[in-house]
PDB file of N, CA and C in Angstrom:
ATOM      1  N   MET A   1       0.857  -1.172   0.000  1.00  0.00           N
ATOM      2  CA  MET A   1       0.000   0.000   0.000  1.00  0.00           C
ATOM      3  C   MET A   1       0.899   1.229   0.000  1.00  0.00           C
ATOM      4  N   ASN A   2       0.579   2.192  -0.863  1.00  0.00           N
ATOM      5  CA  ASN A   2       1.347   3.430  -0.955  1.00  0.00           C
ATOM      6  C   ASN A   2       0.542   4.589  -0.396  1.00  0.00           C
ATOM      7  N   LYS A   3       1.222   5.462   0.339  1.00  0.00           N
ATOM      8  CA  LYS A   3       0.596   6.696   0.806  1.00  0.00           C
ATOM      9  C   LYS A   3       0.978   7.783  -0.188  1.00  0.00           C
ATOM     10  N   ILE A   4      -0.032   8.377  -0.817  1.00  0.00           N
ATOM     11  CA  ILE A   4       0.160   9.414  -1.811  1.00  0.00           C
ATOM     12  C   ILE A   4      -0.137  10.762  -1.160  1.00  0.00           C
ATOM     13  N   THR A   5       0.779  11.707  -1.295  1.00  0.00           N
ATOM     14  CA  THR A   5       0.595  13.059  -0.774  1.00  0.00           C
ATOM     15  C   THR A   5       0.630  14.030  -1.943  1.00  0.00           C
ATOM     16  N   VAL A   6      -0.417  14.815  -2.069  1.00  0.00           N
ATOM     17  CA  VAL A   6      -0.543  15.765  -3.170  1.00  0.00           C
ATOM     18  C   VAL A   6      -0.560  17.181  -2.595  1.00  0.00           C
ATOM     19  N   LYS A   7       0.351  18.017  -3.048  1.00  0.00           N
ATOM     20  CA  LYS A   7       0.366  19.424  -2.650  1.00  0.00           C
ATOM     21  C   LYS A   7      -0.548  20.180  -3.607  1.00  0.00           C
ATOM     22  N   ILE A   8      -1.457  20.992  -3.033  1.00  0.00           N
ATOM     23  CA  ILE A   8      -2.480  21.688  -3.815  1.00  0.00           C
ATOM     24  C   ILE A   8      -2.599  23.122  -3.310  1.00  0.00           C
ATOM     25  N   ASP A   9      -2.646  24.075  -4.235  1.00  0.00           N
ATOM     26  CA  ASP A   9      -2.909  25.471  -3.885  1.00  0.00           C
ATOM     27  C   ASP A   9      -4.347  25.813  -4.209  1.00  0.00           C
ATOM     28  N   GLY A  10      -4.937  26.678  -3.392  1.00  0.00           N
ATOM     29  CA  GLY A  10      -6.259  27.200  -3.700  1.00  0.00           C
ATOM     30  C   GLY A  10      -7.376  26.736  -2.793  1.00  0.00           C
ATOM     31  N   MET A  11      -7.121  25.796  -1.891  1.00  0.00           N
ATOM     32  CA  MET A  11      -8.177  25.350  -0.972  1.00  0.00           C
ATOM     33  C   MET A  11      -8.350  26.418   0.115  1.00  0.00           C
ATOM     34  N   MET A  12      -9.599  26.883   0.303  1.00  0.00           N
ATOM     35  CA  MET A  12      -9.860  27.953   1.260  1.00  0.00           C
ATOM     36  C   MET A  12     -10.812  27.567   2.394  1.00  0.00           C
ATOM     37  N   CYS A  13     -11.583  26.481   2.214  1.00  0.00           N
ATOM     38  CA  CYS A  13     -12.606  26.152   3.205  1.00  0.00           C
ATOM     39  C   CYS A  13     -12.853  24.645   3.242  1.00  0.00           C
ATOM     40  N   GLY A  14     -13.758  24.244   4.090  1.00  0.00           N
ATOM     41  CA  GLY A  14     -14.108  22.836   4.214  1.00  0.00           C
ATOM     42  C   GLY A  14     -14.721  22.267   2.944  1.00  0.00           C
ATOM     43  N   MET A  15     -15.476  23.080   2.215  1.00  0.00           N
ATOM     44  CA  MET A  15     -16.059  22.606   0.954  1.00  0.00           C
ATOM     45  C   MET A  15     -14.959  22.346  -0.079  1.00  0.00           C
ATOM     46  N   CYS A  16     -13.913  23.141  -0.057  1.00  0.00           N
ATOM     47  CA  CYS A  16     -12.775  22.913  -0.957  1.00  0.00           C
ATOM     48  C   CYS A  16     -12.141  21.553  -0.648  1.00  0.00           C
ATOM     49  N   GLU A  17     -11.968  21.268   0.638  1.00  0.00           N
ATOM     50  CA  GLU A  17     -11.401  19.985   1.047  1.00  0.00           C
ATOM     51  C   GLU A  17     -12.280  18.834   0.561  1.00  0.00           C
ATOM     52  N   ALA A  18     -13.593  18.975   0.738  1.00  0.00           N
ATOM     53  CA  ALA A  18     -14.527  17.936   0.307  1.00  0.00           C
ATOM     54  C   ALA A  18     -14.485  17.764  -1.212  1.00  0.00           C
ATOM     55  N   HIS A  19     -14.363  18.858  -1.931  1.00  0.00           N
ATOM     56  CA  HIS A  19     -14.319  18.816  -3.388  1.00  0.00           C
ATOM     57  C   HIS A  19     -13.064  18.071  -3.862  1.00  0.00           C
ATOM     58  N   ILE A  20     -11.923  18.331  -3.227  1.00  0.00           N
ATOM     59  CA  ILE A  20     -10.681  17.640  -3.577  1.00  0.00           C
ATOM     60  C   ILE A  20     -10.804  16.148  -3.275  1.00  0.00           C
ATOM     61  N   CYS A  21     -11.362  15.801  -2.121  1.00  0.00           N
ATOM     62  CA  CYS A  21     -11.530  14.381  -1.759  1.00  0.00           C
ATOM     63  C   CYS A  21     -12.416  13.667  -2.778  1.00  0.00           C
ATOM     64  N   GLU A  22     -13.510  14.300  -3.166  1.00  0.00           N
ATOM     65  CA  GLU A  22     -14.409  13.710  -4.149  1.00  0.00           C
ATOM     66  C   GLU A  22     -13.708  13.540  -5.501  1.00  0.00           C
ATOM     67  N   THR A  23     -12.913  14.521  -5.884  1.00  0.00           N
ATOM     68  CA  THR A  23     -12.169  14.464  -7.145  1.00  0.00           C
ATOM     69  C   THR A  23     -11.194  13.295  -7.149  1.00  0.00           C
ATOM     70  N   ILE A  24     -10.486  13.091  -6.046  1.00  0.00           N
ATOM     71  CA  ILE A  24      -9.529  11.982  -5.948  1.00  0.00           C
ATOM     72  C   ILE A  24     -10.269  10.649  -6.004  1.00  0.00           C
ATOM     73  N   ARG A  25     -11.374  10.545  -5.284  1.00  0.00           N
ATOM     74  CA  ARG A  25     -12.152   9.293  -5.299  1.00  0.00           C
ATOM     75  C   ARG A  25     -12.689   8.981  -6.691  1.00  0.00           C
ATOM     76  N   ASN A  26     -13.083  10.004  -7.430  1.00  0.00           N
ATOM     77  CA  ASN A  26     -13.584   9.789  -8.795  1.00  0.00           C
ATOM     78  C   ASN A  26     -12.461   9.387  -9.746  1.00  0.00           C
ATOM     79  N   ALA A  27     -11.284   9.981  -9.587  1.00  0.00           N
ATOM     80  CA  ALA A  27     -10.147   9.679 -10.464  1.00  0.00           C
ATOM     81  C   ALA A  27      -9.534   8.316 -10.141  1.00  0.00           C
ATOM     82  N   PHE A  28      -9.560   7.936  -8.852  1.00  0.00           N
ATOM     83  CA  PHE A  28      -8.968   6.676  -8.396  1.00  0.00           C
ATOM     84  C   PHE A  28      -9.969   5.972  -7.472  1.00  0.00           C
ATOM     85  N   PRO A  29     -10.934   5.253  -8.045  1.00  0.00           N
ATOM     86  CA  PRO A  29     -12.018   4.647  -7.254  1.00  0.00           C
ATOM     87  C   PRO A  29     -11.559   3.701  -6.136  1.00  0.00           C
ATOM     88  N   ASP A  30     -10.370   3.122  -6.263  1.00  0.00           N
ATOM     89  CA  ASP A  30      -9.871   2.208  -5.226  1.00  0.00           C
ATOM     90  C   ASP A  30      -9.104   2.917  -4.125  1.00  0.00           C
ATOM     91  N   ALA A  31      -9.051   4.246  -4.152  1.00  0.00           N
ATOM     92  CA  ALA A  31      -8.329   5.012  -3.129  1.00  0.00           C
ATOM     93  C   ALA A  31      -8.988   4.817  -1.767  1.00  0.00           C
ATOM     94  N   LYS A  32      -8.166   4.731  -0.751  1.00  0.00           N
ATOM     95  CA  LYS A  32      -8.653   4.546   0.612  1.00  0.00           C
ATOM     96  C   LYS A  32      -8.145   5.694   1.491  1.00  0.00           C
ATOM     97  N   LYS A  33      -8.878   5.991   2.556  1.00  0.00           N
ATOM     98  CA  LYS A  33      -8.518   7.013   3.540  1.00  0.00           C
ATOM     99  C   LYS A  33      -8.156   8.342   2.885  1.00  0.00           C
ATOM    100  N   VAL A  34      -9.015   8.811   2.005  1.00  0.00           N
ATOM    101  CA  VAL A  34      -8.785  10.077   1.310  1.00  0.00           C
ATOM    102  C   VAL A  34      -9.076  11.228   2.275  1.00  0.00           C
ATOM    103  N   SER A  35      -8.131  12.158   2.392  1.00  0.00           N
ATOM    104  CA  SER A  35      -8.348  13.341   3.225  1.00  0.00           C
ATOM    105  C   SER A  35      -7.631  14.527   2.598  1.00  0.00           C
ATOM    106  N   ALA A  36      -8.119  15.718   2.916  1.00  0.00           N
ATOM    107  CA  ALA A  36      -7.507  16.946   2.413  1.00  0.00           C
ATOM    108  C   ALA A  36      -7.479  17.970   3.537  1.00  0.00           C
ATOM    109  N   SER A  37      -6.486  18.833   3.515  1.00  0.00           N
ATOM    110  CA  SER A  37      -6.348  19.876   4.526  1.00  0.00           C
ATOM    111  C   SER A  37      -5.999  21.194   3.861  1.00  0.00           C
ATOM    112  N   ARG A  38      -6.857  22.186   4.056  1.00  0.00           N
ATOM    113  CA  ARG A  38      -6.565  23.504   3.499  1.00  0.00           C
ATOM    114  C   ARG A  38      -5.414  24.166   4.244  1.00  0.00           C
ATOM    115  N   LYS A  39      -5.271  23.852   5.541  1.00  0.00           N
ATOM    116  CA  LYS A  39      -4.199  24.448   6.342  1.00  0.00           C
ATOM    117  C   LYS A  39      -2.822  24.015   5.857  1.00  0.00           C
ATOM    118  N   SER A  40      -2.672  22.721   5.575  1.00  0.00           N
ATOM    119  CA  SER A  40      -1.377  22.226   5.100  1.00  0.00           C
ATOM    120  C   SER A  40      -1.253  22.301   3.581  1.00  0.00           C
ATOM    121  N   GLY A  41      -2.376  22.542   2.898  1.00  0.00           N
ATOM    122  CA  GLY A  41      -2.359  22.641   1.440  1.00  0.00           C
ATOM    123  C   GLY A  41      -2.049  21.321   0.764  1.00  0.00           C
ATOM    124  N   GLU A  42      -2.570  20.243   1.353  1.00  0.00           N
ATOM    125  CA  GLU A  42      -2.306  18.934   0.759  1.00  0.00           C
ATOM    126  C   GLU A  42      -3.463  17.978   0.960  1.00  0.00           C
ATOM    127  N   ALA A  43      -3.447  16.941   0.140  1.00  0.00           N
ATOM    128  CA  ALA A  43      -4.399  15.835   0.249  1.00  0.00           C
ATOM    129  C   ALA A  43      -3.586  14.552   0.323  1.00  0.00           C
ATOM    130  N   THR A  44      -4.094  13.575   1.058  1.00  0.00           N
ATOM    131  CA  THR A  44      -3.411  12.281   1.164  1.00  0.00           C
ATOM    132  C   THR A  44      -4.423  11.172   0.955  1.00  0.00           C
ATOM    133  N   PHE A  45      -3.931  10.054   0.444  1.00  0.00           N
ATOM    134  CA  PHE A  45      -4.755   8.870   0.309  1.00  0.00           C
ATOM    135  C   PHE A  45      -3.872   7.643   0.163  1.00  0.00           C
ATOM    136  N   LEU A  46      -4.455   6.478   0.401  1.00  0.00           N
ATOM    137  CA  LEU A  46      -3.754   5.207   0.259  1.00  0.00           C
ATOM    138  C   LEU A  46      -4.205   4.562  -1.039  1.00  0.00           C
ATOM    139  N   TYR A  47      -3.242   3.938  -1.736  1.00  0.00           N
ATOM    140  CA  TYR A  47      -3.544   3.323  -3.026  1.00  0.00           C
ATOM    141  C   TYR A  47      -2.641   2.120  -3.229  1.00  0.00           C
ATOM    142  N   GLU A  48      -3.215   1.036  -3.726  1.00  0.00           N
ATOM    143  CA  GLU A  48      -2.475  -0.219  -3.905  1.00  0.00           C
ATOM    144  C   GLU A  48      -1.426  -0.142  -5.012  1.00  0.00           C
ATOM    145  N   LYS A  49      -1.758   0.519  -6.114  1.00  0.00           N
ATOM    146  CA  LYS A  49      -0.889   0.532  -7.289  1.00  0.00           C
ATOM    147  C   LYS A  49      -0.174   1.874  -7.413  1.00  0.00           C
ATOM    148  N   GLU A  50       0.665   1.972  -8.433  1.00  0.00           N
ATOM    149  CA  GLU A  50       1.257   3.257  -8.777  1.00  0.00           C
ATOM    150  C   GLU A  50       0.170   4.116  -9.405  1.00  0.00           C
ATOM    151  N   ILE A  51       0.184   5.401  -9.120  1.00  0.00           N
ATOM    152  CA  ILE A  51      -0.808   6.285  -9.722  1.00  0.00           C
ATOM    153  C   ILE A  51      -0.219   6.979 -10.944  1.00  0.00           C
ATOM    154  N   SER A  52      -1.083   7.417 -11.814  1.00  0.00           N
ATOM    155  CA  SER A  52      -0.675   8.213 -12.957  1.00  0.00           C
ATOM    156  C   SER A  52      -0.675   9.676 -12.517  1.00  0.00           C
ATOM    157  N   GLU A  53       0.509  10.278 -12.484  1.00  0.00           N
ATOM    158  CA  GLU A  53       0.611  11.674 -12.077  1.00  0.00           C
ATOM    159  C   GLU A  53      -0.177  12.568 -13.033  1.00  0.00           C
ATOM    160  N   GLU A  54      -0.190  12.226 -14.308  1.00  0.00           N
ATOM    161  CA  GLU A  54      -0.903  13.037 -15.302  1.00  0.00           C
ATOM    162  C   GLU A  54      -2.409  13.026 -15.054  1.00  0.00           C
ATOM    163  N   ILE A  55      -2.975  11.859 -14.717  1.00  0.00           N
ATOM    164  CA  ILE A  55      -4.410  11.770 -14.429  1.00  0.00           C
ATOM    165  C   ILE A  55      -4.740  12.597 -13.192  1.00  0.00           C
ATOM    166  N   LEU A  56      -3.907  12.475 -12.160  1.00  0.00           N
ATOM    167  CA  LEU A  56      -4.119  13.231 -10.926  1.00  0.00           C
ATOM    168  C   LEU A  56      -4.005  14.732 -11.187  1.00  0.00           C
ATOM    169  N   LYS A  57      -2.986  15.123 -11.903  1.00  0.00           N
ATOM    170  CA  LYS A  57      -2.754  16.538 -12.215  1.00  0.00           C
ATOM    171  C   LYS A  57      -3.950  17.127 -12.982  1.00  0.00           C
ATOM    172  N   LYS A  58      -4.448  16.394 -13.976  1.00  0.00           N
ATOM    173  CA  LYS A  58      -5.583  16.862 -14.773  1.00  0.00           C
ATOM    174  C   LYS A  58      -6.849  16.945 -13.924  1.00  0.00           C
ATOM    175  N   ALA A  59      -7.082  15.945 -13.084  1.00  0.00           N
ATOM    176  CA  ALA A  59      -8.278  15.939 -12.234  1.00  0.00           C
ATOM    177  C   ALA A  59      -8.282  17.150 -11.295  1.00  0.00           C
ATOM    178  N   ILE A  60      -7.146  17.450 -10.682  1.00  0.00           N
ATOM    179  CA  ILE A  60      -7.042  18.603  -9.780  1.00  0.00           C
ATOM    180  C   ILE A  60      -7.228  19.897 -10.561  1.00  0.00           C
ATOM    181  N   ALA A  61      -6.552  20.021 -11.694  1.00  0.00           N
ATOM    182  CA  ALA A  61      -6.651  21.234 -12.518  1.00  0.00           C
ATOM    183  C   ALA A  61      -8.077  21.459 -13.008  1.00  0.00           C
ATOM    184  N   ASP A  62      -8.787  20.384 -13.354  1.00  0.00           N
ATOM    185  CA  ASP A  62     -10.160  20.501 -13.841  1.00  0.00           C
ATOM    186  C   ASP A  62     -11.115  21.039 -12.778  1.00  0.00           C
ATOM    187  N   THR A  63     -10.750  20.938 -11.514  1.00  0.00           N
ATOM    188  CA  THR A  63     -11.594  21.448 -10.433  1.00  0.00           C
ATOM    189  C   THR A  63     -11.330  22.922 -10.154  1.00  0.00           C
ATOM    190  N   GLY A  64     -10.260  23.472 -10.737  1.00  0.00           N
ATOM    191  CA  GLY A  64      -9.941  24.879 -10.537  1.00  0.00           C
ATOM    192  C   GLY A  64      -8.864  25.134  -9.506  1.00  0.00           C
ATOM    193  N   TYR A  65      -8.347  24.081  -8.897  1.00  0.00           N
ATOM    194  CA  TYR A  65      -7.259  24.232  -7.936  1.00  0.00           C
ATOM    195  C   TYR A  65      -5.929  24.031  -8.656  1.00  0.00           C
ATOM    196  N   THR A  66      -4.842  24.403  -8.010  1.00  0.00           N
ATOM    197  CA  THR A  66      -3.528  24.299  -8.633  1.00  0.00           C
ATOM    198  C   THR A  66      -2.765  23.114  -8.063  1.00  0.00           C
ATOM    199  N   PHE A  67      -2.461  22.151  -8.932  1.00  0.00           N
ATOM    200  CA  PHE A  67      -1.626  21.002  -8.574  1.00  0.00           C
ATOM    201  C   PHE A  67      -0.195  21.507  -8.433  1.00  0.00           C
ATOM    202  N   VAL A  68       0.457  21.216  -7.304  1.00  0.00           N
ATOM    203  CA  VAL A  68       1.830  21.652  -7.074  1.00  0.00           C
ATOM    204  C   VAL A  68       2.797  20.487  -7.241  1.00  0.00           C
ATOM    205  N   SER A  69       2.546  19.395  -6.507  1.00  0.00           N
ATOM    206  CA  SER A  69       3.436  18.236  -6.584  1.00  0.00           C
ATOM    207  C   SER A  69       2.742  17.006  -6.004  1.00  0.00           C
ATOM    208  N   VAL A  70       3.361  15.850  -6.245  1.00  0.00           N
ATOM    209  CA  VAL A  70       2.860  14.599  -5.677  1.00  0.00           C
ATOM    210  C   VAL A  70       4.060  13.781  -5.224  1.00  0.00           C
ATOM    211  N   SER A  71       3.902  13.090  -4.109  1.00  0.00           N
ATOM    212  CA  SER A  71       4.942  12.176  -3.634  1.00  0.00           C
ATOM    213  C   SER A  71       4.276  10.898  -3.144  1.00  0.00           C
ATOM    214  N   SER A  72       5.049   9.834  -3.132  1.00  0.00           N
ATOM    215  CA  SER A  72       4.526   8.531  -2.740  1.00  0.00           C
ATOM    216  C   SER A  72       5.529   7.846  -1.824  1.00  0.00           C
ATOM    217  N   GLU A  73       5.016   7.197  -0.806  1.00  0.00           N
ATOM    218  CA  GLU A  73       5.876   6.411   0.084  1.00  0.00           C
ATOM    219  C   GLU A  73       5.139   5.152   0.484  1.00  0.00           C
ATOM    220  N   GLU A  74       5.891   4.111   0.733  1.00  0.00           N
ATOM    221  CA  GLU A  74       5.266   2.852   1.148  1.00  0.00           C
ATOM    222  C   GLU A  74       4.683   3.023   2.531  1.00  0.00           C
ATOM    223  N   GLN A  75       3.430   2.617   2.684  1.00  0.00           N
ATOM    224  CA  GLN A  75       2.733   2.701   3.965  1.00  0.00           C
ATOM    225  C   GLN A  75       2.867   1.372   4.677  1.00  0.00           C
ATOM    226  N   LYS A  76       3.436   1.388   5.844  1.00  0.00           N
ATOM    227  CA  LYS A  76       3.577   0.181   6.647  1.00  0.00           C
ATOM    228  C   LYS A  76       2.309  -0.025   7.457  1.00  0.00           C
ATOM    229  N   LYS A  77       1.897  -1.284   7.575  1.00  0.00           N
ATOM    230  CA  LYS A  77       0.721  -1.595   8.373  1.00  0.00           C
ATOM    231  C   LYS A  77       1.069  -1.469   9.853  1.00  0.00           C
ATOM    232  N   HIS A  78       0.121  -0.944  10.602  1.00  0.00           N
ATOM    233  CA  HIS A  78       0.287  -0.798  12.043  1.00  0.00           C
ATOM    234  C   HIS A  78      -0.825  -1.564  12.739  1.00  0.00           C
ATOM    235  N   GLY A  79      -0.631  -1.835  14.005  1.00  0.00           N
ATOM    236  CA  GLY A  79      -1.704  -2.454  14.768  1.00  0.00           C
ATOM    237  C   GLY A  79      -1.540  -3.944  14.912  1.00  0.00           C
ATOM    238  N   LEU A  80      -2.588  -4.562  15.361  1.00  0.00           N
ATOM    239  CA  LEU A  80      -2.591  -5.965  15.738  1.00  0.00           C
ATOM    240  C   LEU A  80      -2.187  -6.893  14.576  1.00  0.00           C
ATOM    241  N   PHE A  81      -2.699  -6.664  13.391  1.00  0.00           N
ATOM    242  CA  PHE A  81      -2.439  -7.578  12.291  1.00  0.00           C
ATOM    243  C   PHE A  81      -1.337  -7.093  11.355  1.00  0.00           C
ATOM    244  N   GLY A  82      -0.700  -5.986  11.649  1.00  0.00           N
ATOM    245  CA  GLY A  82       0.311  -5.437  10.766  1.00  0.00           C
ATOM    246  C   GLY A  82       1.732  -5.721  11.198  1.00  0.00           C
ATOM    247  N   ARG A  83       1.953  -6.752  11.947  1.00  0.00           N
ATOM    248  CA  ARG A  83       3.304  -7.043  12.457  1.00  0.00           C
ATOM    249  C   ARG A  83       4.230  -7.520  11.399  1.00  0.00           C
TER     250      ARG A  83
END
């Protein structure tokens, strides 16, 4: 599982955060734990496969926000069954 972090400019309120989350879910239907923060200017989600940066960039741009960058790191499982 990969944790994807997307830097985004232009989010100003809670509705902006919700709009970004919905956009990510529509672009990547298998995305899990999608969240966005206007304070940090980023969105994060978990995804099994590699993502297409171009698809993500276009989806964000189509909503009117500015895509800045994307990074990916392997997400380690935590908790009882993630040993």
